[in-house]
Amino acid sequence: MKNITLFLLAAFISIGNVALCQENIYHFKVQDINGEEFDFSKYEGYKIMIVNTASKCGLTPQYKDLETLYNEYSDKKFVIVGFPANNFMKQEPGTDEEIAEFCQKNYGVSFPMMSKVSVKGNDMCDLYKYLTKKELNNFQDSDVSWNFQKYLIGRDGKIERVISPKTSPIDEEIIEWINQ
């Protein structure tokens, strides 16, 4: 009887781990920068770029190219979702309200921006745990190395590529991926 119980417990744990690996981005709900619920299932069938952002970073001008990309391809079932984060040299110190104002005033950001989160460390938000851990995303382990790292999510809701923070949002690799 003890062996059967152990076997069933092991099988249950294995099934749970397989279910975690098969999860996609559409299961996540987060808070947007205005305090409203943002449900990724709304974008089922879209290509999604998830990018951690910061207002006081040398890469902050990427907001301009992100906005250009979004304006060019949003009618082709493509969306960018920005996640302000203060994980790197405290380069995103503002409140959600201050970040929203900065993005609108300086870059005319119209793509969805989320409430500020942590993208690494002990307080990492659940979405970034999914994005960075192979045991959850069934793609690969990755670390968020700096502000403006990009995760490219396919139409099936699963990660397809991780793009360096230094790579421009309008790089040919990203354009080709959107058009595939």
N, C-alpha and C. Protein backbone atom coordinates (compact mmCIF):
# COMPACT_ATOMS: atom_id res chain seq x y z
N MET A 1 0.83 -1.19 0.00
CA MET A 1 0.00 0.00 0.00
C MET A 1 0.87 1.25 0.00
N LYS A 2 1.96 1.23 0.77
CA LYS A 2 2.86 2.38 0.83
C LYS A 2 3.46 2.66 -0.54
N ASN A 3 3.83 1.60 -1.27
CA ASN A 3 4.40 1.77 -2.61
C ASN A 3 3.39 2.38 -3.57
N ILE A 4 2.15 1.97 -3.48
CA ILE A 4 1.10 2.53 -4.35
C ILE A 4 0.90 4.00 -4.05
N THR A 5 0.87 4.35 -2.77
CA THR A 5 0.71 5.75 -2.38
C THR A 5 1.87 6.60 -2.90
N LEU A 6 3.09 6.11 -2.75
CA LEU A 6 4.25 6.83 -3.26
C LEU A 6 4.21 6.97 -4.78
N PHE A 7 3.79 5.89 -5.45
CA PHE A 7 3.68 5.93 -6.91
C PHE A 7 2.66 6.98 -7.35
N LEU A 8 1.50 6.98 -6.71
CA LEU A 8 0.45 7.95 -7.05
C LEU A 8 0.91 9.38 -6.77
N LEU A 9 1.61 9.57 -5.67
CA LEU A 9 2.13 10.90 -5.34
C LEU A 9 3.14 11.35 -6.40
N ALA A 10 4.05 10.47 -6.79
CA ALA A 10 5.04 10.80 -7.81
C ALA A 10 4.35 11.10 -9.15
N ALA A 11 3.33 10.33 -9.50
CA ALA A 11 2.60 10.56 -10.75
C ALA A 11 1.90 11.91 -10.71
N PHE A 12 1.28 12.25 -9.59
CA PHE A 12 0.59 13.53 -9.44
C PHE A 12 1.57 14.70 -9.59
N ILE A 13 2.74 14.59 -8.96
CA ILE A 13 3.76 15.64 -9.07
C ILE A 13 4.23 15.77 -10.51
N SER A 14 4.45 14.65 -11.20
CA SER A 14 4.89 14.68 -12.60
C SER A 14 3.84 15.34 -13.48
N ILE A 15 2.58 15.00 -13.29
CA ILE A 15 1.50 15.61 -14.08
C ILE A 15 1.46 17.11 -13.82
N GLY A 16 1.62 17.51 -12.58
CA GLY A 16 1.63 18.94 -12.24
C GLY A 16 2.76 19.67 -12.93
N ASN A 17 3.95 19.06 -12.97
CA ASN A 17 5.09 19.70 -13.63
C ASN A 17 4.88 19.79 -15.14
N VAL A 18 4.29 18.76 -15.75
CA VAL A 18 4.00 18.81 -17.18
C VAL A 18 3.00 19.92 -17.46
N ALA A 19 1.99 20.06 -16.61
CA ALA A 19 1.00 21.12 -16.81
C ALA A 19 1.65 22.49 -16.74
N LEU A 20 2.59 22.67 -15.81
CA LEU A 20 3.30 23.94 -15.72
C LEU A 20 4.07 24.22 -17.00
N CYS A 21 4.73 23.22 -17.54
CA CYS A 21 5.53 23.40 -18.74
C CYS A 21 4.66 23.75 -19.95
N GLN A 22 3.43 23.30 -19.96
CA GLN A 22 2.56 23.55 -21.10
C GLN A 22 1.81 24.86 -20.99
N GLU A 23 1.93 25.52 -19.88
CA GLU A 23 1.24 26.79 -19.71
C GLU A 23 1.77 27.80 -20.72
N ASN A 24 0.88 28.69 -21.14
CA ASN A 24 1.30 29.75 -22.04
C ASN A 24 1.00 31.10 -21.40
N ILE A 25 1.30 32.15 -22.11
CA ILE A 25 1.17 33.50 -21.59
C ILE A 25 -0.29 33.89 -21.33
N TYR A 26 -1.22 33.21 -22.00
CA TYR A 26 -2.63 33.59 -21.91
C TYR A 26 -3.26 33.31 -20.55
N HIS A 27 -2.56 32.63 -19.68
CA HIS A 27 -3.08 32.36 -18.34
C HIS A 27 -2.82 33.51 -17.37
N PHE A 28 -2.04 34.49 -17.79
CA PHE A 28 -1.63 35.55 -16.88
C PHE A 28 -2.55 36.76 -16.93
N LYS A 29 -2.81 37.28 -15.74
CA LYS A 29 -3.51 38.55 -15.57
C LYS A 29 -2.62 39.41 -14.68
N VAL A 30 -2.39 40.64 -15.11
CA VAL A 30 -1.54 41.56 -14.37
C VAL A 30 -2.27 42.89 -14.24
N GLN A 31 -1.67 43.80 -13.53
CA GLN A 31 -2.26 45.13 -13.35
C GLN A 31 -1.58 46.11 -14.30
N ASP A 32 -2.40 46.86 -15.04
CA ASP A 32 -1.79 47.84 -15.93
C ASP A 32 -1.42 49.10 -15.17
N ILE A 33 -0.81 50.04 -15.86
CA ILE A 33 -0.26 51.23 -15.23
C ILE A 33 -1.35 52.14 -14.65
N ASN A 34 -2.60 51.92 -15.08
CA ASN A 34 -3.73 52.70 -14.57
C ASN A 34 -4.49 51.97 -13.47
N GLY A 35 -3.97 50.81 -13.04
CA GLY A 35 -4.59 50.06 -11.96
C GLY A 35 -5.69 49.11 -12.40
N GLU A 36 -5.86 48.94 -13.70
CA GLU A 36 -6.87 48.03 -14.23
C GLU A 36 -6.27 46.66 -14.50
N GLU A 37 -7.12 45.63 -14.52
CA GLU A 37 -6.65 44.29 -14.84
C GLU A 37 -6.33 44.20 -16.33
N PHE A 38 -5.19 43.59 -16.62
CA PHE A 38 -4.77 43.33 -18.00
C PHE A 38 -4.71 41.82 -18.15
N ASP A 39 -5.55 41.28 -19.00
CA ASP A 39 -5.66 39.84 -19.20
C ASP A 39 -5.01 39.48 -20.53
N PHE A 40 -3.93 38.71 -20.46
CA PHE A 40 -3.22 38.33 -21.68
C PHE A 40 -4.08 37.49 -22.62
N SER A 41 -5.12 36.83 -22.10
CA SER A 41 -5.97 36.02 -22.98
C SER A 41 -6.66 36.87 -24.04
N LYS A 42 -6.76 38.16 -23.80
CA LYS A 42 -7.33 39.10 -24.77
C LYS A 42 -6.49 39.11 -26.06
N TYR A 43 -5.23 38.72 -25.96
CA TYR A 43 -4.32 38.76 -27.10
C TYR A 43 -4.00 37.37 -27.64
N GLU A 44 -4.89 36.42 -27.39
CA GLU A 44 -4.69 35.08 -27.94
C GLU A 44 -4.64 35.18 -29.47
N GLY A 45 -3.63 34.54 -30.06
CA GLY A 45 -3.45 34.58 -31.50
C GLY A 45 -2.58 35.73 -31.99
N TYR A 46 -2.17 36.60 -31.08
CA TYR A 46 -1.28 37.71 -31.42
C TYR A 46 0.17 37.30 -31.23
N LYS A 47 1.06 38.02 -31.88
CA LYS A 47 2.47 37.98 -31.51
C LYS A 47 2.65 39.08 -30.48
N ILE A 48 3.37 38.77 -29.41
CA ILE A 48 3.50 39.68 -28.27
C ILE A 48 4.98 39.91 -27.97
N MET A 49 5.34 41.17 -27.82
CA MET A 49 6.67 41.51 -27.32
C MET A 49 6.49 42.02 -25.90
N ILE A 50 7.15 41.36 -24.96
CA ILE A 50 7.15 41.82 -23.57
C ILE A 50 8.52 42.44 -23.31
N VAL A 51 8.53 43.66 -22.78
CA VAL A 51 9.79 44.37 -22.58
C VAL A 51 9.77 45.07 -21.22
N ASN A 52 10.85 44.91 -20.46
CA ASN A 52 10.97 45.65 -19.20
C ASN A 52 11.59 47.01 -19.51
N THR A 53 11.03 48.04 -18.94
CA THR A 53 11.41 49.40 -19.30
C THR A 53 11.91 50.19 -18.10
N ALA A 54 12.56 51.32 -18.39
CA ALA A 54 13.03 52.23 -17.35
C ALA A 54 13.14 53.63 -17.95
N SER A 55 12.82 54.63 -17.17
CA SER A 55 12.79 56.02 -17.64
C SER A 55 14.13 56.74 -17.57
N LYS A 56 15.07 56.21 -16.80
CA LYS A 56 16.34 56.91 -16.58
C LYS A 56 17.53 56.03 -16.96
N CYS A 57 17.42 55.39 -18.12
CA CYS A 57 18.43 54.44 -18.59
C CYS A 57 19.00 54.94 -19.92
N GLY A 58 20.21 54.56 -20.21
CA GLY A 58 20.79 54.91 -21.49
C GLY A 58 20.01 54.32 -22.66
N LEU A 59 19.23 53.27 -22.41
CA LEU A 59 18.43 52.64 -23.46
C LEU A 59 17.00 53.19 -23.52
N THR A 60 16.66 54.14 -22.65
CA THR A 60 15.31 54.70 -22.62
C THR A 60 14.84 55.21 -23.98
N PRO A 61 15.71 55.76 -24.83
CA PRO A 61 15.25 56.18 -26.16
C PRO A 61 14.64 55.05 -27.00
N GLN A 62 14.81 53.79 -26.57
CA GLN A 62 14.16 52.69 -27.28
C GLN A 62 12.63 52.84 -27.26
N TYR A 63 12.10 53.60 -26.31
CA TYR A 63 10.66 53.84 -26.30
C TYR A 63 10.20 54.36 -27.67
N LYS A 64 11.00 55.22 -28.29
CA LYS A 64 10.64 55.79 -29.59
C LYS A 64 10.49 54.68 -30.63
N ASP A 65 11.45 53.77 -30.69
CA ASP A 65 11.39 52.68 -31.66
C ASP A 65 10.31 51.66 -31.30
N LEU A 66 10.08 51.45 -30.01
CA LEU A 66 8.98 50.57 -29.61
C LEU A 66 7.65 51.14 -30.11
N GLU A 67 7.46 52.44 -29.94
CA GLU A 67 6.23 53.08 -30.39
C GLU A 67 6.10 53.02 -31.91
N THR A 68 7.21 53.24 -32.62
CA THR A 68 7.20 53.13 -34.09
C THR A 68 6.79 51.72 -34.51
N LEU A 69 7.39 50.71 -33.88
CA LEU A 69 7.08 49.32 -34.19
C LEU A 69 5.61 49.01 -33.92
N TYR A 70 5.13 49.45 -32.78
CA TYR A 70 3.73 49.20 -32.41
C TYR A 70 2.78 49.86 -33.41
N ASN A 71 3.05 51.09 -33.77
CA ASN A 71 2.19 51.79 -34.74
C ASN A 71 2.21 51.11 -36.10
N GLU A 72 3.35 50.59 -36.49
CA GLU A 72 3.49 49.94 -37.80
C GLU A 72 2.79 48.58 -37.87
N TYR A 73 2.82 47.80 -36.77
CA TYR A 73 2.38 46.41 -36.84
C TYR A 73 1.18 46.06 -35.95
N SER A 74 0.65 46.99 -35.19
CA SER A 74 -0.45 46.65 -34.28
C SER A 74 -1.70 46.17 -35.02
N ASP A 75 -1.87 46.58 -36.26
CA ASP A 75 -3.03 46.11 -37.04
C ASP A 75 -2.80 44.73 -37.64
N LYS A 76 -1.62 44.15 -37.37
CA LYS A 76 -1.28 42.81 -37.86
C LYS A 76 -1.22 41.80 -36.71
N LYS A 77 -2.08 42.02 -35.72
CA LYS A 77 -2.13 41.13 -34.55
C LYS A 77 -0.77 41.04 -33.85
N PHE A 78 -0.22 42.21 -33.56
CA PHE A 78 1.04 42.34 -32.82
C PHE A 78 0.82 43.37 -31.73
N VAL A 79 1.31 43.06 -30.53
CA VAL A 79 1.20 44.00 -29.42
C VAL A 79 2.50 44.01 -28.63
N ILE A 80 2.83 45.17 -28.11
CA ILE A 80 3.96 45.32 -27.20
C ILE A 80 3.37 45.56 -25.82
N VAL A 81 3.93 44.90 -24.82
CA VAL A 81 3.48 45.09 -23.44
C VAL A 81 4.70 45.49 -22.62
N GLY A 82 4.68 46.72 -22.10
CA GLY A 82 5.81 47.24 -21.33
C GLY A 82 5.63 47.03 -19.84
N PHE A 83 6.72 46.64 -19.19
CA PHE A 83 6.73 46.43 -17.74
C PHE A 83 7.82 47.29 -17.12
N PRO A 84 7.47 48.46 -16.60
CA PRO A 84 8.48 49.26 -15.89
C PRO A 84 9.05 48.47 -14.72
N ALA A 85 10.37 48.56 -14.54
CA ALA A 85 11.04 47.84 -13.46
C ALA A 85 12.21 48.67 -12.94
N ASN A 86 12.43 48.60 -11.66
CA ASN A 86 13.48 49.40 -11.01
C ASN A 86 14.64 48.52 -10.56
N ASN A 87 14.88 47.42 -11.27
CA ASN A 87 15.88 46.44 -10.84
C ASN A 87 17.32 46.78 -11.18
N PHE A 88 17.54 47.71 -12.08
CA PHE A 88 18.89 47.98 -12.55
C PHE A 88 19.28 49.42 -12.21
N MET A 89 20.14 49.54 -11.24
CA MET A 89 20.67 50.83 -10.80
C MET A 89 19.57 51.87 -10.51
N LYS A 90 18.42 51.37 -10.06
CA LYS A 90 17.30 52.24 -9.67
C LYS A 90 16.94 53.24 -10.78
N GLN A 91 16.88 52.73 -12.02
CA GLN A 91 16.63 53.59 -13.17
C GLN A 91 15.15 53.78 -13.49
N GLU A 92 14.29 53.22 -12.65
CA GLU A 92 12.85 53.47 -12.77
C GLU A 92 12.27 53.76 -11.39
N PRO A 93 12.61 54.94 -10.84
CA PRO A 93 12.20 55.26 -9.47
C PRO A 93 10.77 55.76 -9.33
N GLY A 94 10.14 56.14 -10.43
CA GLY A 94 8.84 56.81 -10.36
C GLY A 94 7.68 55.91 -9.97
N THR A 95 6.57 56.58 -9.66
CA THR A 95 5.31 55.89 -9.42
C THR A 95 4.70 55.53 -10.78
N ASP A 96 3.68 54.70 -10.78
CA ASP A 96 3.00 54.37 -12.03
C ASP A 96 2.51 55.63 -12.73
N GLU A 97 1.95 56.55 -11.97
CA GLU A 97 1.44 57.79 -12.54
C GLU A 97 2.57 58.61 -13.18
N GLU A 98 3.70 58.71 -12.50
CA GLU A 98 4.84 59.45 -13.05
C GLU A 98 5.41 58.77 -14.30
N ILE A 99 5.45 57.45 -14.28
CA ILE A 99 5.96 56.69 -15.44
C ILE A 99 5.04 56.90 -16.64
N ALA A 100 3.73 56.80 -16.41
CA ALA A 100 2.76 56.98 -17.50
C ALA A 100 2.90 58.38 -18.10
N GLU A 101 3.03 59.38 -17.25
CA GLU A 101 3.18 60.75 -17.72
C GLU A 101 4.47 60.91 -18.53
N PHE A 102 5.58 60.35 -18.03
CA PHE A 102 6.86 60.41 -18.73
C PHE A 102 6.75 59.77 -20.11
N CYS A 103 6.17 58.57 -20.17
CA CYS A 103 6.06 57.84 -21.43
C CYS A 103 5.21 58.60 -22.45
N GLN A 104 4.11 59.17 -21.99
CA GLN A 104 3.24 59.90 -22.90
C GLN A 104 3.88 61.21 -23.36
N LYS A 105 4.41 61.96 -22.41
CA LYS A 105 4.99 63.28 -22.71
C LYS A 105 6.21 63.17 -23.63
N ASN A 106 7.09 62.23 -23.36
CA ASN A 106 8.36 62.15 -24.08
C ASN A 106 8.35 61.26 -25.31
N TYR A 107 7.48 60.25 -25.33
CA TYR A 107 7.52 59.29 -26.44
C TYR A 107 6.16 58.98 -27.04
N GLY A 108 5.09 59.55 -26.51
CA GLY A 108 3.75 59.29 -27.03
C GLY A 108 3.36 57.83 -26.99
N VAL A 109 3.81 57.12 -25.95
CA VAL A 109 3.58 55.68 -25.86
C VAL A 109 2.08 55.38 -25.86
N SER A 110 1.70 54.52 -26.80
CA SER A 110 0.29 54.11 -26.88
C SER A 110 0.12 52.60 -26.69
N PHE A 111 1.23 51.86 -26.66
CA PHE A 111 1.12 50.42 -26.39
C PHE A 111 0.87 50.20 -24.91
N PRO A 112 0.30 49.06 -24.54
CA PRO A 112 -0.04 48.82 -23.14
C PRO A 112 1.17 48.83 -22.21
N MET A 113 1.07 49.62 -21.17
CA MET A 113 2.09 49.67 -20.12
C MET A 113 1.49 49.13 -18.83
N MET A 114 2.26 48.33 -18.13
CA MET A 114 1.79 47.70 -16.91
C MET A 114 2.30 48.46 -15.69
N SER A 115 1.76 48.10 -14.56
CA SER A 115 2.23 48.63 -13.28
C SER A 115 3.67 48.16 -13.07
N LYS A 116 4.44 48.97 -12.38
CA LYS A 116 5.86 48.65 -12.13
C LYS A 116 5.97 47.32 -11.38
N VAL A 117 6.91 46.48 -11.83
CA VAL A 117 7.14 45.16 -11.25
C VAL A 117 8.63 44.94 -11.00
N SER A 118 8.94 43.82 -10.38
CA SER A 118 10.32 43.37 -10.27
C SER A 118 10.52 42.26 -11.29
N VAL A 119 11.61 42.34 -12.05
CA VAL A 119 11.88 41.36 -13.11
C VAL A 119 13.02 40.41 -12.75
N LYS A 120 13.53 40.53 -11.52
CA LYS A 120 14.57 39.61 -11.06
C LYS A 120 14.64 39.66 -9.54
N GLY A 121 15.31 38.68 -8.96
CA GLY A 121 15.48 38.65 -7.51
C GLY A 121 14.35 37.94 -6.80
N ASN A 122 14.38 38.02 -5.48
CA ASN A 122 13.41 37.31 -4.64
C ASN A 122 11.98 37.82 -4.81
N ASP A 123 11.83 39.07 -5.24
CA ASP A 123 10.49 39.63 -5.40
C ASP A 123 10.04 39.67 -6.86
N MET A 124 10.65 38.85 -7.70
CA MET A 124 10.29 38.78 -9.12
C MET A 124 8.80 38.46 -9.26
N CYS A 125 8.12 39.18 -10.16
CA CYS A 125 6.69 38.93 -10.37
C CYS A 125 6.50 37.59 -11.08
N ASP A 126 5.30 37.04 -10.95
CA ASP A 126 5.01 35.71 -11.50
C ASP A 126 5.21 35.63 -13.01
N LEU A 127 4.83 36.66 -13.73
CA LEU A 127 5.00 36.63 -15.18
C LEU A 127 6.48 36.49 -15.55
N TYR A 128 7.35 37.23 -14.87
CA TYR A 128 8.78 37.12 -15.18
C TYR A 128 9.38 35.82 -14.68
N LYS A 129 8.79 35.21 -13.66
CA LYS A 129 9.23 33.86 -13.28
C LYS A 129 8.96 32.92 -14.45
N TYR A 130 7.77 33.05 -15.02
CA TYR A 130 7.42 32.22 -16.18
C TYR A 130 8.38 32.48 -17.35
N LEU A 131 8.64 33.74 -17.64
CA LEU A 131 9.50 34.09 -18.77
C LEU A 131 10.93 33.60 -18.62
N THR A 132 11.42 33.52 -17.38
CA THR A 132 12.85 33.24 -17.16
C THR A 132 13.17 31.81 -16.72
N LYS A 133 12.17 30.99 -16.45
CA LYS A 133 12.44 29.64 -15.92
C LYS A 133 11.93 28.56 -16.87
N LYS A 134 12.86 27.76 -17.39
CA LYS A 134 12.50 26.70 -18.33
C LYS A 134 11.48 25.73 -17.74
N GLU A 135 11.58 25.45 -16.45
CA GLU A 135 10.64 24.52 -15.83
C GLU A 135 9.20 25.04 -15.91
N LEU A 136 9.03 26.33 -16.14
CA LEU A 136 7.70 26.92 -16.27
C LEU A 136 7.31 27.21 -17.71
N ASN A 137 8.29 27.66 -18.52
CA ASN A 137 7.97 28.09 -19.89
C ASN A 137 8.27 27.04 -20.96
N ASN A 138 8.95 25.97 -20.58
CA ASN A 138 9.30 24.88 -21.50
C ASN A 138 10.07 25.40 -22.73
N PHE A 139 10.81 26.50 -22.55
CA PHE A 139 11.61 27.07 -23.65
C PHE A 139 13.08 27.10 -23.25
N GLN A 140 13.39 27.97 -22.29
CA GLN A 140 14.78 28.06 -21.81
C GLN A 140 14.81 28.90 -20.54
N ASP A 141 15.88 28.69 -19.76
CA ASP A 141 16.17 29.58 -18.65
C ASP A 141 16.80 30.84 -19.22
N SER A 142 16.47 31.98 -18.65
CA SER A 142 17.11 33.23 -19.05
C SER A 142 17.12 34.17 -17.86
N ASP A 143 18.07 35.05 -17.85
CA ASP A 143 18.11 36.11 -16.85
C ASP A 143 17.80 37.41 -17.55
N VAL A 144 17.08 38.28 -16.88
CA VAL A 144 16.88 39.62 -17.41
C VAL A 144 18.17 40.36 -17.11
N SER A 145 18.91 40.69 -18.16
CA SER A 145 20.25 41.24 -17.97
C SER A 145 20.27 42.75 -17.80
N TRP A 146 19.24 43.45 -18.29
CA TRP A 146 19.20 44.91 -18.18
C TRP A 146 17.83 45.39 -18.63
N ASN A 147 17.61 46.68 -18.52
CA ASN A 147 16.38 47.30 -19.00
C ASN A 147 16.25 47.08 -20.52
N PHE A 148 15.04 46.92 -20.98
CA PHE A 148 14.68 46.79 -22.39
C PHE A 148 15.06 45.44 -22.99
N GLN A 149 15.10 44.39 -22.16
CA GLN A 149 15.21 43.03 -22.69
C GLN A 149 13.84 42.66 -23.25
N LYS A 150 13.85 41.96 -24.37
CA LYS A 150 12.61 41.68 -25.07
C LYS A 150 12.34 40.17 -25.12
N TYR A 151 11.11 39.79 -24.78
CA TYR A 151 10.66 38.41 -24.91
C TYR A 151 9.63 38.38 -26.02
N LEU A 152 9.87 37.55 -27.03
CA LEU A 152 8.98 37.46 -28.17
C LEU A 152 8.11 36.21 -28.00
N ILE A 153 6.81 36.43 -27.95
CA ILE A 153 5.83 35.38 -27.71
C ILE A 153 5.08 35.11 -29.01
N GLY A 154 5.04 33.84 -29.41
CA GLY A 154 4.36 33.46 -30.65
C GLY A 154 2.85 33.46 -30.52
N ARG A 155 2.18 33.23 -31.62
CA ARG A 155 0.72 33.25 -31.66
C ARG A 155 0.09 32.15 -30.80
N ASP A 156 0.89 31.15 -30.41
CA ASP A 156 0.40 30.09 -29.52
C ASP A 156 0.59 30.45 -28.05
N GLY A 157 1.11 31.66 -27.78
CA GLY A 157 1.29 32.11 -26.40
C GLY A 157 2.56 31.62 -25.74
N LYS A 158 3.47 31.05 -26.52
CA LYS A 158 4.70 30.51 -25.95
C LYS A 158 5.91 31.32 -26.43
N ILE A 159 6.92 31.37 -25.57
CA ILE A 159 8.14 32.12 -25.88
C ILE A 159 8.83 31.51 -27.10
N GLU A 160 9.23 32.39 -28.02
CA GLU A 160 9.97 31.95 -29.19
C GLU A 160 11.40 32.48 -29.22
N ARG A 161 11.61 33.68 -28.65
CA ARG A 161 12.94 34.27 -28.66
C ARG A 161 13.11 35.21 -27.47
N VAL A 162 14.36 35.34 -27.04
CA VAL A 162 14.73 36.33 -26.05
C VAL A 162 15.75 37.24 -26.73
N ILE A 163 15.46 38.54 -26.72
CA ILE A 163 16.28 39.51 -27.46
C ILE A 163 17.02 40.42 -26.47
N SER A 164 18.28 40.63 -26.74
CA SER A 164 19.15 41.45 -25.90
C SER A 164 18.59 42.86 -25.71
N PRO A 165 18.81 43.43 -24.53
CA PRO A 165 18.39 44.81 -24.30
C PRO A 165 18.98 45.79 -25.30
N LYS A 166 20.19 45.53 -25.76
CA LYS A 166 20.86 46.45 -26.68
C LYS A 166 20.31 46.39 -28.10
N THR A 167 19.60 45.34 -28.43
CA THR A 167 19.04 45.21 -29.78
C THR A 167 17.86 46.16 -29.94
N SER A 168 17.90 46.94 -30.99
CA SER A 168 16.83 47.90 -31.27
C SER A 168 15.51 47.18 -31.50
N PRO A 169 14.42 47.74 -31.04
CA PRO A 169 13.11 47.14 -31.31
C PRO A 169 12.78 47.06 -32.80
N ILE A 170 13.44 47.89 -33.61
CA ILE A 170 13.17 47.85 -35.05
C ILE A 170 14.26 47.11 -35.82
N ASP A 171 15.02 46.27 -35.10
CA ASP A 171 16.03 45.43 -35.73
C ASP A 171 15.35 44.47 -36.71
N GLU A 172 16.06 44.17 -37.79
CA GLU A 172 15.51 43.30 -38.84
C GLU A 172 15.07 41.94 -38.29
N GLU A 173 15.80 41.40 -37.31
CA GLU A 173 15.42 40.11 -36.71
C GLU A 173 14.01 40.17 -36.13
N ILE A 174 13.68 41.26 -35.47
CA ILE A 174 12.35 41.41 -34.86
C ILE A 174 11.29 41.63 -35.93
N ILE A 175 11.59 42.45 -36.92
CA ILE A 175 10.65 42.71 -38.03
C ILE A 175 10.33 41.41 -38.75
N GLU A 176 11.36 40.63 -39.05
CA GLU A 176 11.14 39.33 -39.73
C GLU A 176 10.29 38.41 -38.87
N TRP A 177 10.54 38.39 -37.57
CA TRP A 177 9.75 37.55 -36.67
C TRP A 177 8.28 37.97 -36.69
N ILE A 178 8.00 39.24 -36.64
CA ILE A 178 6.61 39.72 -36.68
C ILE A 178 5.94 39.28 -37.97
N ASN A 179 6.66 39.36 -39.09
CA ASN A 179 6.08 39.06 -40.39
C ASN A 179 5.99 37.58 -40.73
N GLN A 180 6.54 36.71 -39.90
CA GLN A 180 6.47 35.26 -40.17
C GLN A 180 5.06 34.77 -40.07
